[in-house]
Amino acid sequence: KGAAKKAKAAVMAEGAGKARRGDDFEVVPLERDDAGGSTSGSETDSEDEFDMLDDQGKAEVLALAKRMLRRKEKESIIDAAYNKYAFHDEGLPRWFMEDELRYMRPIMPVTKEEVQAEKERLKAIDARPIKKVTEAKARQRKRVQARLKQAREKAEAIASQEDVPAKSKMREIERVYARARSASKKGKGGKD
């Protein structure tokens, strides 16, 4: 630690000398917190807070955000935020604080219908299949169709043979289709 402090002091002194002479600008490294991210991570903090909310909370936030897109409504929401619920006084009697916790609830500036609409929208988003899963299923269907097409062509070739008896043709065709079906079932388990 001592060597690091001395090195840091030397760099600082060198930078201060350059700044006085006007030679160059001092380059200050970005400070990082313990997690490795930058200290100005207010965006990620608010995203994390949003992710921790339940569906009702997310719907309320989204409905409020949708209303705040219009300038006039945004101003009225901000003006409504300054009310008797905005202050939290200290040193009040315990019975009064308990009473305040029970009854002091600000009125949400969004209606239940707006919140319900946002809930439905979130539910629809959650119900959508993931794009990668959909693509994988489509590729799998395509492979199965290709295998069945090959089996059909083989079966047609077997059926068109005139010198082979009908009973052996049927057995051979069944065997070709059974192989095609088993190959498609084998591939359904994901990676082999």
N, C-alpha and C. Protein backbone atom coordinates (compact mmCIF):
# COMPACT_ATOMS: atom_id res chain seq x y z
N LYS A 1 0.82 -1.19 0.00
CA LYS A 1 0.00 0.00 0.00
C LYS A 1 0.86 1.25 0.00
N GLY A 2 1.94 1.23 0.76
CA GLY A 2 2.81 2.40 0.87
C GLY A 2 3.42 2.76 -0.46
N ALA A 3 3.86 1.74 -1.23
CA ALA A 3 4.46 1.98 -2.54
C ALA A 3 3.42 2.53 -3.51
N ALA A 4 2.20 2.04 -3.40
CA ALA A 4 1.13 2.52 -4.28
C ALA A 4 0.81 3.99 -4.00
N LYS A 5 0.81 4.36 -2.71
CA LYS A 5 0.54 5.76 -2.36
C LYS A 5 1.64 6.67 -2.89
N LYS A 6 2.92 6.21 -2.77
CA LYS A 6 4.04 7.02 -3.26
C LYS A 6 3.96 7.20 -4.77
N ALA A 7 3.61 6.11 -5.48
CA ALA A 7 3.50 6.18 -6.94
C ALA A 7 2.36 7.12 -7.34
N LYS A 8 1.27 7.04 -6.61
CA LYS A 8 0.13 7.90 -6.90
C LYS A 8 0.49 9.37 -6.67
N ALA A 9 1.23 9.63 -5.57
CA ALA A 9 1.65 11.00 -5.26
C ALA A 9 2.59 11.54 -6.33
N ALA A 10 3.48 10.67 -6.83
CA ALA A 10 4.42 11.09 -7.88
C ALA A 10 3.67 11.44 -9.16
N VAL A 11 2.70 10.63 -9.51
CA VAL A 11 1.91 10.90 -10.71
C VAL A 11 1.14 12.20 -10.55
N MET A 12 0.57 12.42 -9.37
CA MET A 12 -0.19 13.65 -9.11
C MET A 12 0.72 14.87 -9.22
N ALA A 13 1.94 14.78 -8.65
CA ALA A 13 2.87 15.91 -8.68
C ALA A 13 3.30 16.20 -10.11
N GLU A 14 3.55 15.12 -10.87
CA GLU A 14 3.95 15.29 -12.28
C GLU A 14 2.83 15.96 -13.07
N GLY A 15 1.60 15.53 -12.84
CA GLY A 15 0.45 16.10 -13.54
C GLY A 15 0.23 17.56 -13.18
N ALA A 16 0.45 17.89 -11.89
CA ALA A 16 0.27 19.27 -11.44
C ALA A 16 1.32 20.17 -12.07
N GLY A 17 2.56 19.65 -12.19
CA GLY A 17 3.64 20.43 -12.82
C GLY A 17 3.33 20.71 -14.27
N LYS A 18 2.80 19.71 -15.00
CA LYS A 18 2.45 19.89 -16.41
C LYS A 18 1.33 20.90 -16.57
N ALA A 19 0.36 20.84 -15.64
CA ALA A 19 -0.78 21.75 -15.73
C ALA A 19 -0.33 23.20 -15.53
N ARG A 20 0.65 23.41 -14.61
CA ARG A 20 1.14 24.77 -14.39
C ARG A 20 1.87 25.30 -15.62
N ARG A 21 2.62 24.40 -16.28
CA ARG A 21 3.38 24.81 -17.45
C ARG A 21 2.48 24.94 -18.67
N GLY A 22 1.33 24.28 -18.66
CA GLY A 22 0.43 24.33 -19.80
C GLY A 22 0.83 23.36 -20.90
N ASP A 23 1.70 22.36 -20.57
CA ASP A 23 2.15 21.39 -21.56
C ASP A 23 1.04 20.46 -22.02
N ASP A 24 0.31 19.93 -21.07
CA ASP A 24 -0.62 18.86 -21.41
C ASP A 24 -1.76 18.85 -20.41
N PHE A 25 -2.80 18.13 -20.76
CA PHE A 25 -3.90 17.95 -19.83
C PHE A 25 -3.62 16.77 -18.93
N GLU A 26 -4.10 16.83 -17.72
CA GLU A 26 -3.95 15.73 -16.79
C GLU A 26 -5.04 14.70 -17.07
N VAL A 27 -4.64 13.45 -17.19
CA VAL A 27 -5.60 12.37 -17.42
C VAL A 27 -5.88 11.72 -16.09
N VAL A 28 -7.14 11.77 -15.68
CA VAL A 28 -7.55 11.21 -14.41
C VAL A 28 -8.24 9.89 -14.68
N PRO A 29 -7.77 8.78 -14.06
CA PRO A 29 -8.41 7.49 -14.31
C PRO A 29 -9.79 7.43 -13.67
N LEU A 30 -10.68 6.67 -14.29
CA LEU A 30 -12.04 6.50 -13.80
C LEU A 30 -12.00 5.62 -12.56
N GLU A 31 -12.58 6.10 -11.47
CA GLU A 31 -12.61 5.31 -10.24
C GLU A 31 -13.66 4.23 -10.37
N ARG A 32 -13.34 3.05 -9.87
CA ARG A 32 -14.27 1.92 -9.93
C ARG A 32 -14.61 1.49 -8.51
N ASP A 33 -15.85 0.97 -8.36
CA ASP A 33 -16.22 0.45 -7.05
C ASP A 33 -15.77 -1.00 -6.92
N ASP A 34 -16.09 -1.65 -5.81
CA ASP A 34 -15.62 -3.02 -5.55
C ASP A 34 -16.14 -4.03 -6.54
N ALA A 35 -17.32 -3.82 -7.09
CA ALA A 35 -17.92 -4.77 -8.02
C ALA A 35 -17.30 -4.70 -9.40
N GLY A 36 -16.45 -3.69 -9.65
CA GLY A 36 -15.81 -3.59 -10.94
C GLY A 36 -16.49 -2.60 -11.86
N GLY A 37 -17.66 -2.11 -11.51
CA GLY A 37 -18.36 -1.14 -12.34
C GLY A 37 -17.94 0.26 -11.97
N SER A 38 -18.33 1.22 -12.74
CA SER A 38 -17.97 2.59 -12.43
C SER A 38 -18.84 3.09 -11.28
N THR A 39 -18.36 4.15 -10.61
CA THR A 39 -19.08 4.66 -9.45
C THR A 39 -20.35 5.38 -9.84
N SER A 40 -20.45 5.84 -11.08
CA SER A 40 -21.67 6.55 -11.51
C SER A 40 -22.61 5.58 -12.19
N GLY A 41 -23.10 4.59 -11.43
CA GLY A 41 -23.97 3.57 -12.00
C GLY A 41 -25.41 3.76 -11.60
N SER A 42 -25.90 5.00 -11.64
CA SER A 42 -27.27 5.24 -11.22
C SER A 42 -28.27 4.59 -12.17
N GLU A 43 -27.90 4.45 -13.45
CA GLU A 43 -28.80 3.82 -14.41
C GLU A 43 -29.01 2.35 -14.07
N THR A 44 -27.93 1.65 -13.76
CA THR A 44 -28.06 0.23 -13.45
C THR A 44 -28.76 0.03 -12.13
N ASP A 45 -28.57 0.95 -11.17
CA ASP A 45 -29.26 0.83 -9.90
C ASP A 45 -30.77 0.92 -10.09
N SER A 46 -31.22 1.87 -10.91
CA SER A 46 -32.66 2.01 -11.12
C SER A 46 -33.20 0.82 -11.91
N GLU A 47 -32.40 0.27 -12.84
CA GLU A 47 -32.84 -0.92 -13.57
C GLU A 47 -32.96 -2.11 -12.63
N ASP A 48 -31.99 -2.23 -11.69
CA ASP A 48 -32.06 -3.32 -10.71
C ASP A 48 -33.28 -3.17 -9.82
N GLU A 49 -33.57 -1.94 -9.41
CA GLU A 49 -34.76 -1.71 -8.59
C GLU A 49 -36.02 -2.10 -9.35
N PHE A 50 -36.09 -1.75 -10.62
CA PHE A 50 -37.26 -2.09 -11.43
C PHE A 50 -37.40 -3.60 -11.56
N ASP A 51 -36.28 -4.31 -11.75
CA ASP A 51 -36.32 -5.76 -11.89
C ASP A 51 -36.77 -6.44 -10.60
N MET A 52 -36.52 -5.81 -9.46
CA MET A 52 -36.90 -6.42 -8.18
C MET A 52 -38.38 -6.22 -7.86
N LEU A 53 -39.05 -5.34 -8.58
CA LEU A 53 -40.47 -5.10 -8.32
C LEU A 53 -41.31 -6.30 -8.75
N ASP A 54 -42.46 -6.46 -8.10
CA ASP A 54 -43.40 -7.49 -8.53
C ASP A 54 -44.17 -6.98 -9.74
N ASP A 55 -45.04 -7.81 -10.30
CA ASP A 55 -45.78 -7.43 -11.51
C ASP A 55 -46.64 -6.20 -11.30
N GLN A 56 -47.28 -6.10 -10.13
CA GLN A 56 -48.13 -4.94 -9.83
C GLN A 56 -47.28 -3.67 -9.80
N GLY A 57 -46.13 -3.72 -9.15
CA GLY A 57 -45.25 -2.56 -9.07
C GLY A 57 -44.72 -2.15 -10.43
N LYS A 58 -44.33 -3.15 -11.23
CA LYS A 58 -43.84 -2.84 -12.58
C LYS A 58 -44.93 -2.18 -13.42
N ALA A 59 -46.16 -2.71 -13.29
CA ALA A 59 -47.28 -2.16 -14.06
C ALA A 59 -47.54 -0.71 -13.65
N GLU A 60 -47.47 -0.42 -12.33
CA GLU A 60 -47.70 0.95 -11.86
C GLU A 60 -46.62 1.89 -12.40
N VAL A 61 -45.37 1.45 -12.35
CA VAL A 61 -44.27 2.29 -12.83
C VAL A 61 -44.41 2.55 -14.32
N LEU A 62 -44.74 1.52 -15.09
CA LEU A 62 -44.89 1.70 -16.54
C LEU A 62 -46.08 2.58 -16.89
N ALA A 63 -47.17 2.43 -16.16
CA ALA A 63 -48.35 3.28 -16.42
C ALA A 63 -48.02 4.74 -16.10
N LEU A 64 -47.30 4.96 -15.01
CA LEU A 64 -46.91 6.32 -14.64
C LEU A 64 -45.94 6.89 -15.67
N ALA A 65 -45.01 6.07 -16.14
CA ALA A 65 -44.04 6.53 -17.14
C ALA A 65 -44.75 6.88 -18.45
N LYS A 66 -45.75 6.08 -18.80
CA LYS A 66 -46.50 6.35 -20.04
C LYS A 66 -47.23 7.69 -19.95
N ARG A 67 -47.78 7.98 -18.76
CA ARG A 67 -48.47 9.27 -18.60
C ARG A 67 -47.49 10.42 -18.59
N MET A 68 -46.27 10.19 -18.11
CA MET A 68 -45.28 11.27 -18.02
C MET A 68 -44.66 11.61 -19.37
N LEU A 69 -44.98 10.86 -20.40
CA LEU A 69 -44.48 11.18 -21.73
C LEU A 69 -45.08 12.47 -22.26
N ARG A 70 -46.29 12.78 -21.82
CA ARG A 70 -46.94 14.03 -22.24
C ARG A 70 -46.52 15.15 -21.28
N ARG A 71 -46.10 16.26 -21.82
CA ARG A 71 -45.50 17.34 -21.03
C ARG A 71 -46.47 17.88 -19.97
N LYS A 72 -47.71 18.10 -20.36
CA LYS A 72 -48.67 18.69 -19.43
C LYS A 72 -48.96 17.75 -18.26
N GLU A 73 -49.11 16.47 -18.58
CA GLU A 73 -49.38 15.50 -17.51
C GLU A 73 -48.16 15.33 -16.62
N LYS A 74 -46.98 15.39 -17.20
CA LYS A 74 -45.75 15.28 -16.42
C LYS A 74 -45.67 16.40 -15.40
N GLU A 75 -45.97 17.61 -15.84
CA GLU A 75 -45.93 18.75 -14.93
C GLU A 75 -46.97 18.61 -13.82
N SER A 76 -48.15 18.13 -14.16
CA SER A 76 -49.19 17.98 -13.13
C SER A 76 -48.81 16.88 -12.13
N ILE A 77 -48.15 15.82 -12.60
CA ILE A 77 -47.72 14.75 -11.70
C ILE A 77 -46.64 15.26 -10.76
N ILE A 78 -45.71 16.04 -11.30
CA ILE A 78 -44.64 16.60 -10.46
C ILE A 78 -45.23 17.58 -9.44
N ASP A 79 -46.17 18.40 -9.88
CA ASP A 79 -46.80 19.34 -8.95
C ASP A 79 -47.58 18.60 -7.87
N ALA A 80 -48.21 17.50 -8.22
CA ALA A 80 -48.98 16.73 -7.24
C ALA A 80 -48.07 16.01 -6.25
N ALA A 81 -46.79 15.86 -6.58
CA ALA A 81 -45.86 15.17 -5.68
C ALA A 81 -45.55 16.00 -4.45
N TYR A 82 -45.74 17.31 -4.53
CA TYR A 82 -45.52 18.17 -3.37
C TYR A 82 -46.82 18.27 -2.59
N ASN A 83 -46.93 17.45 -1.56
CA ASN A 83 -48.15 17.44 -0.78
C ASN A 83 -47.83 17.09 0.67
N LYS A 84 -48.85 16.88 1.47
CA LYS A 84 -48.62 16.58 2.88
C LYS A 84 -47.95 15.23 3.10
N TYR A 85 -47.95 14.37 2.05
CA TYR A 85 -47.31 13.07 2.19
C TYR A 85 -45.80 13.12 1.92
N ALA A 86 -45.30 14.25 1.46
CA ALA A 86 -43.90 14.35 1.07
C ALA A 86 -42.97 14.54 2.26
N PHE A 87 -43.48 14.89 3.42
CA PHE A 87 -42.63 15.17 4.58
C PHE A 87 -42.72 14.03 5.58
N HIS A 88 -41.58 13.67 6.13
CA HIS A 88 -41.53 12.64 7.17
C HIS A 88 -40.92 13.30 8.41
N ASP A 89 -41.78 13.71 9.32
CA ASP A 89 -41.33 14.43 10.51
C ASP A 89 -40.68 13.47 11.50
N GLU A 90 -39.75 13.99 12.27
CA GLU A 90 -39.04 13.23 13.30
C GLU A 90 -39.58 13.62 14.68
N GLY A 91 -39.41 12.74 15.63
CA GLY A 91 -39.76 13.06 17.02
C GLY A 91 -41.24 13.08 17.31
N LEU A 92 -42.03 12.38 16.54
CA LEU A 92 -43.47 12.33 16.78
C LEU A 92 -43.79 11.17 17.71
N PRO A 93 -44.92 11.21 18.41
CA PRO A 93 -45.28 10.09 19.30
C PRO A 93 -45.47 8.79 18.52
N ARG A 94 -45.20 7.66 19.19
CA ARG A 94 -45.26 6.35 18.54
C ARG A 94 -46.66 6.06 17.98
N TRP A 95 -47.70 6.38 18.75
CA TRP A 95 -49.06 6.10 18.30
C TRP A 95 -49.38 6.87 17.02
N PHE A 96 -48.83 8.11 16.94
CA PHE A 96 -49.07 8.94 15.77
C PHE A 96 -48.36 8.35 14.55
N MET A 97 -47.12 7.87 14.75
CA MET A 97 -46.35 7.27 13.65
C MET A 97 -47.05 6.01 13.12
N GLU A 98 -47.58 5.18 14.03
CA GLU A 98 -48.30 3.97 13.62
C GLU A 98 -49.55 4.34 12.83
N ASP A 99 -50.24 5.37 13.29
CA ASP A 99 -51.44 5.84 12.61
C ASP A 99 -51.09 6.37 11.21
N GLU A 100 -49.97 7.11 11.13
CA GLU A 100 -49.53 7.65 9.85
C GLU A 100 -49.18 6.51 8.88
N LEU A 101 -48.51 5.47 9.38
CA LEU A 101 -48.15 4.33 8.52
C LEU A 101 -49.40 3.67 7.94
N ARG A 102 -50.45 3.62 8.75
CA ARG A 102 -51.66 2.95 8.32
C ARG A 102 -52.46 3.78 7.30
N TYR A 103 -52.56 5.10 7.54
CA TYR A 103 -53.48 5.91 6.74
C TYR A 103 -52.82 6.89 5.78
N MET A 104 -51.54 7.21 5.97
CA MET A 104 -50.90 8.21 5.13
C MET A 104 -50.42 7.54 3.84
N ARG A 105 -51.26 7.49 2.85
CA ARG A 105 -50.93 6.89 1.57
C ARG A 105 -51.21 7.90 0.47
N PRO A 106 -50.18 8.23 -0.32
CA PRO A 106 -50.44 9.17 -1.42
C PRO A 106 -51.33 8.50 -2.48
N ILE A 107 -52.13 9.29 -3.13
CA ILE A 107 -53.03 8.78 -4.17
C ILE A 107 -52.22 8.65 -5.45
N MET A 108 -52.27 7.48 -6.04
CA MET A 108 -51.52 7.24 -7.28
C MET A 108 -52.12 8.07 -8.41
N PRO A 109 -51.28 8.72 -9.21
CA PRO A 109 -51.80 9.53 -10.31
C PRO A 109 -52.22 8.72 -11.53
N VAL A 110 -52.26 7.40 -11.41
CA VAL A 110 -52.71 6.56 -12.52
C VAL A 110 -53.95 5.79 -12.09
N THR A 111 -54.80 5.48 -13.04
CA THR A 111 -56.03 4.77 -12.72
C THR A 111 -55.78 3.26 -12.70
N LYS A 112 -56.72 2.54 -12.11
CA LYS A 112 -56.60 1.08 -12.06
C LYS A 112 -56.64 0.48 -13.45
N GLU A 113 -57.39 1.11 -14.35
CA GLU A 113 -57.49 0.60 -15.72
C GLU A 113 -56.14 0.69 -16.43
N GLU A 114 -55.43 1.82 -16.21
CA GLU A 114 -54.11 1.97 -16.83
C GLU A 114 -53.13 0.93 -16.30
N VAL A 115 -53.17 0.71 -14.99
CA VAL A 115 -52.29 -0.29 -14.38
C VAL A 115 -52.65 -1.68 -14.92
N GLN A 116 -53.94 -1.96 -15.02
CA GLN A 116 -54.38 -3.27 -15.54
C GLN A 116 -53.94 -3.46 -16.99
N ALA A 117 -54.01 -2.39 -17.79
CA ALA A 117 -53.58 -2.47 -19.19
C ALA A 117 -52.08 -2.77 -19.28
N GLU A 118 -51.30 -2.14 -18.41
CA GLU A 118 -49.86 -2.41 -18.40
C GLU A 118 -49.57 -3.83 -17.93
N LYS A 119 -50.37 -4.32 -16.96
CA LYS A 119 -50.21 -5.71 -16.51
C LYS A 119 -50.45 -6.69 -17.66
N GLU A 120 -51.51 -6.43 -18.42
CA GLU A 120 -51.83 -7.28 -19.57
C GLU A 120 -50.71 -7.25 -20.60
N ARG A 121 -50.16 -6.04 -20.83
CA ARG A 121 -49.06 -5.91 -21.80
C ARG A 121 -47.83 -6.69 -21.33
N LEU A 122 -47.52 -6.60 -20.02
CA LEU A 122 -46.38 -7.34 -19.48
C LEU A 122 -46.62 -8.84 -19.57
N LYS A 123 -47.87 -9.25 -19.31
CA LYS A 123 -48.20 -10.68 -19.39
C LYS A 123 -48.03 -11.19 -20.82
N ALA A 124 -48.43 -10.36 -21.80
CA ALA A 124 -48.28 -10.75 -23.20
C ALA A 124 -46.81 -10.86 -23.58
N ILE A 125 -46.00 -9.94 -23.06
CA ILE A 125 -44.56 -10.00 -23.34
C ILE A 125 -43.95 -11.25 -22.73
N ASP A 126 -44.34 -11.57 -21.49
CA ASP A 126 -43.80 -12.76 -20.82
C ASP A 126 -44.24 -14.05 -21.49
N ALA A 127 -45.43 -14.03 -22.11
CA ALA A 127 -45.97 -15.24 -22.73
C ALA A 127 -45.32 -15.55 -24.08
N ARG A 128 -44.68 -14.54 -24.68
CA ARG A 128 -44.03 -14.76 -25.97
C ARG A 128 -42.89 -15.75 -25.84
N PRO A 129 -42.75 -16.64 -26.81
CA PRO A 129 -41.62 -17.57 -26.74
C PRO A 129 -40.32 -16.82 -27.03
N ILE A 130 -39.24 -17.33 -26.47
CA ILE A 130 -37.94 -16.73 -26.70
C ILE A 130 -37.54 -16.97 -28.15
N LYS A 131 -36.93 -15.98 -28.77
CA LYS A 131 -36.60 -16.04 -30.19
C LYS A 131 -35.70 -17.23 -30.51
N LYS A 132 -34.69 -17.47 -29.67
CA LYS A 132 -33.77 -18.57 -29.94
C LYS A 132 -34.48 -19.92 -29.89
N VAL A 133 -35.41 -20.07 -28.94
CA VAL A 133 -36.16 -21.32 -28.82
C VAL A 133 -37.01 -21.54 -30.06
N THR A 134 -37.68 -20.49 -30.51
CA THR A 134 -38.52 -20.58 -31.71
C THR A 134 -37.69 -20.96 -32.92
N GLU A 135 -36.52 -20.33 -33.06
CA GLU A 135 -35.64 -20.66 -34.19
C GLU A 135 -35.16 -22.10 -34.12
N ALA A 136 -34.81 -22.58 -32.91
CA ALA A 136 -34.34 -23.96 -32.76
C ALA A 136 -35.43 -24.96 -33.13
N LYS A 137 -36.67 -24.67 -32.71
CA LYS A 137 -37.78 -25.56 -33.06
C LYS A 137 -38.01 -25.57 -34.56
N ALA A 138 -37.88 -24.43 -35.21
CA ALA A 138 -38.06 -24.36 -36.67
C ALA A 138 -36.97 -25.17 -37.38
N ARG A 139 -35.72 -25.05 -36.89
CA ARG A 139 -34.64 -25.85 -37.50
C ARG A 139 -34.89 -27.34 -37.31
N GLN A 140 -35.38 -27.71 -36.13
CA GLN A 140 -35.67 -29.12 -35.86
C GLN A 140 -36.77 -29.63 -36.77
N ARG A 141 -37.85 -28.85 -36.95
CA ARG A 141 -38.94 -29.25 -37.86
C ARG A 141 -38.42 -29.42 -39.29
N LYS A 142 -37.53 -28.51 -39.69
CA LYS A 142 -36.97 -28.56 -41.04
C LYS A 142 -36.17 -29.86 -41.25
N ARG A 143 -35.37 -30.22 -40.22
CA ARG A 143 -34.59 -31.47 -40.32
C ARG A 143 -35.50 -32.70 -40.41
N VAL A 144 -36.57 -32.70 -39.58
CA VAL A 144 -37.50 -33.84 -39.60
C VAL A 144 -38.18 -33.93 -40.96
N GLN A 145 -38.59 -32.79 -41.51
CA GLN A 145 -39.22 -32.79 -42.83
C GLN A 145 -38.26 -33.33 -43.90
N ALA A 146 -36.99 -32.96 -43.79
CA ALA A 146 -36.01 -33.44 -44.76
C ALA A 146 -35.84 -34.95 -44.66
N ARG A 147 -35.78 -35.45 -43.41
CA ARG A 147 -35.64 -36.91 -43.22
C ARG A 147 -36.86 -37.65 -43.78
N LEU A 148 -38.04 -37.12 -43.50
CA LEU A 148 -39.26 -37.78 -44.01
C LEU A 148 -39.33 -37.72 -45.53
N LYS A 149 -38.84 -36.64 -46.11
CA LYS A 149 -38.83 -36.53 -47.57
C LYS A 149 -37.90 -37.58 -48.18
N GLN A 150 -36.72 -37.75 -47.54
CA GLN A 150 -35.79 -38.78 -48.01
C GLN A 150 -36.40 -40.17 -47.89
N ALA A 151 -37.08 -40.41 -46.75
CA ALA A 151 -37.72 -41.71 -46.54
C ALA A 151 -38.81 -41.94 -47.58
N ARG A 152 -39.58 -40.91 -47.91
CA ARG A 152 -40.64 -41.02 -48.90
C ARG A 152 -40.05 -41.37 -50.28
N GLU A 153 -38.93 -40.69 -50.62
CA GLU A 153 -38.29 -40.98 -51.90
C GLU A 153 -37.78 -42.42 -51.96
N LYS A 154 -37.19 -42.90 -50.85
CA LYS A 154 -36.73 -44.29 -50.80
C LYS A 154 -37.90 -45.26 -50.92
N ALA A 155 -39.02 -44.91 -50.23
CA ALA A 155 -40.19 -45.79 -50.28
C ALA A 155 -40.76 -45.82 -51.69
N GLU A 156 -40.77 -44.70 -52.37
CA GLU A 156 -41.25 -44.67 -53.76
C GLU A 156 -40.34 -45.51 -54.67
N ALA A 157 -39.03 -45.44 -54.41
CA ALA A 157 -38.10 -46.23 -55.21
C ALA A 157 -38.32 -47.72 -54.97
N ILE A 158 -38.56 -48.08 -53.71
CA ILE A 158 -38.82 -49.50 -53.39
C ILE A 158 -40.13 -49.95 -54.01
N ALA A 159 -41.16 -49.11 -53.94
CA ALA A 159 -42.47 -49.46 -54.47
C ALA A 159 -42.44 -49.60 -55.99
N SER A 160 -41.55 -48.88 -56.64
CA SER A 160 -41.50 -48.94 -58.11
C SER A 160 -40.73 -50.17 -58.63
N GLN A 161 -40.08 -50.90 -57.75
CA GLN A 161 -39.37 -52.12 -58.17
C GLN A 161 -40.40 -53.19 -58.54
N GLU A 162 -40.24 -53.77 -59.73
CA GLU A 162 -41.23 -54.74 -60.20
C GLU A 162 -40.85 -56.19 -59.90
N ASP A 163 -39.57 -56.47 -59.72
CA ASP A 163 -39.14 -57.86 -59.54
C ASP A 163 -39.22 -58.33 -58.09
N VAL A 164 -39.57 -57.45 -57.13
CA VAL A 164 -39.64 -57.81 -55.71
C VAL A 164 -41.11 -58.04 -55.35
N PRO A 165 -41.39 -59.10 -54.54
CA PRO A 165 -42.77 -59.37 -54.14
C PRO A 165 -43.34 -58.23 -53.25
N ALA A 166 -44.66 -58.09 -53.25
CA ALA A 166 -45.35 -56.99 -52.55
C ALA A 166 -45.12 -57.07 -51.04
N LYS A 167 -45.09 -58.29 -50.49
CA LYS A 167 -44.92 -58.43 -49.04
C LYS A 167 -43.55 -57.92 -48.59
N SER A 168 -42.50 -58.22 -49.32
CA SER A 168 -41.16 -57.76 -48.95
C SER A 168 -41.03 -56.25 -49.19
N LYS A 169 -41.75 -55.73 -50.22
CA LYS A 169 -41.75 -54.28 -50.45
C LYS A 169 -42.34 -53.57 -49.22
N MET A 170 -43.47 -54.09 -48.73
CA MET A 170 -44.13 -53.49 -47.57
C MET A 170 -43.21 -53.50 -46.35
N ARG A 171 -42.54 -54.64 -46.11
CA ARG A 171 -41.62 -54.74 -44.97
C ARG A 171 -40.48 -53.73 -45.09
N GLU A 172 -39.91 -53.62 -46.28
CA GLU A 172 -38.80 -52.70 -46.52
C GLU A 172 -39.25 -51.24 -46.36
N ILE A 173 -40.43 -50.90 -46.85
CA ILE A 173 -40.96 -49.53 -46.71
C ILE A 173 -41.20 -49.21 -45.23
N GLU A 174 -41.77 -50.15 -44.48
CA GLU A 174 -41.99 -49.95 -43.05
C GLU A 174 -40.66 -49.73 -42.33
N ARG A 175 -39.64 -50.49 -42.71
CA ARG A 175 -38.32 -50.36 -42.10
C ARG A 175 -37.72 -48.97 -42.38
N VAL A 176 -37.88 -48.47 -43.60
CA VAL A 176 -37.36 -47.14 -43.98
C VAL A 176 -38.05 -46.06 -43.16
N TYR A 177 -39.37 -46.14 -43.04
CA TYR A 177 -40.10 -45.13 -42.26
C TYR A 177 -39.77 -45.24 -40.77
N ALA A 178 -39.60 -46.45 -40.27
CA ALA A 178 -39.25 -46.63 -38.85
C ALA A 178 -37.88 -45.99 -38.55
N ARG A 179 -36.91 -46.17 -39.46
CA ARG A 179 -35.59 -45.56 -39.29
C ARG A 179 -35.70 -44.03 -39.30
N ALA A 180 -36.51 -43.49 -40.19
CA ALA A 180 -36.68 -42.04 -40.27
C ALA A 180 -37.33 -41.49 -39.00
N ARG A 181 -38.33 -42.19 -38.48
CA ARG A 181 -38.98 -41.75 -37.25
C ARG A 181 -38.04 -41.84 -36.06
N SER A 182 -37.28 -42.92 -35.96
CA SER A 182 -36.35 -43.08 -34.82
C SER A 182 -35.25 -42.03 -34.87
N ALA A 183 -34.80 -41.69 -36.07
CA ALA A 183 -33.76 -40.65 -36.20
C ALA A 183 -34.30 -39.30 -35.76
N SER A 184 -35.58 -39.02 -36.08
CA SER A 184 -36.15 -37.72 -35.70
C SER A 184 -36.41 -37.68 -34.19
N LYS A 185 -36.80 -38.80 -33.57
CA LYS A 185 -37.00 -38.83 -32.13
C LYS A 185 -35.68 -38.72 -31.39
N LYS A 186 -34.64 -39.34 -31.94
CA LYS A 186 -33.32 -39.31 -31.32
C LYS A 186 -32.80 -37.88 -31.25
N GLY A 187 -33.06 -37.08 -32.26
CA GLY A 187 -32.59 -35.71 -32.33
C GLY A 187 -33.37 -34.75 -31.45
N LYS A 188 -34.54 -35.14 -30.91
CA LYS A 188 -35.36 -34.23 -30.13
C LYS A 188 -34.79 -33.94 -28.75
N GLY A 189 -33.91 -34.76 -28.25
CA GLY A 189 -33.41 -34.59 -26.88
C GLY A 189 -32.42 -33.46 -26.75
N GLY A 190 -32.16 -32.72 -27.77
CA GLY A 190 -31.18 -31.63 -27.69
C GLY A 190 -29.85 -32.13 -28.21
N LYS A 191 -28.77 -31.83 -27.47
CA LYS A 191 -27.44 -32.29 -27.91
C LYS A 191 -27.29 -33.77 -27.58
N ASP A 192 -26.76 -34.54 -28.53
CA ASP A 192 -26.61 -35.99 -28.32
C ASP A 192 -25.35 -36.30 -27.55
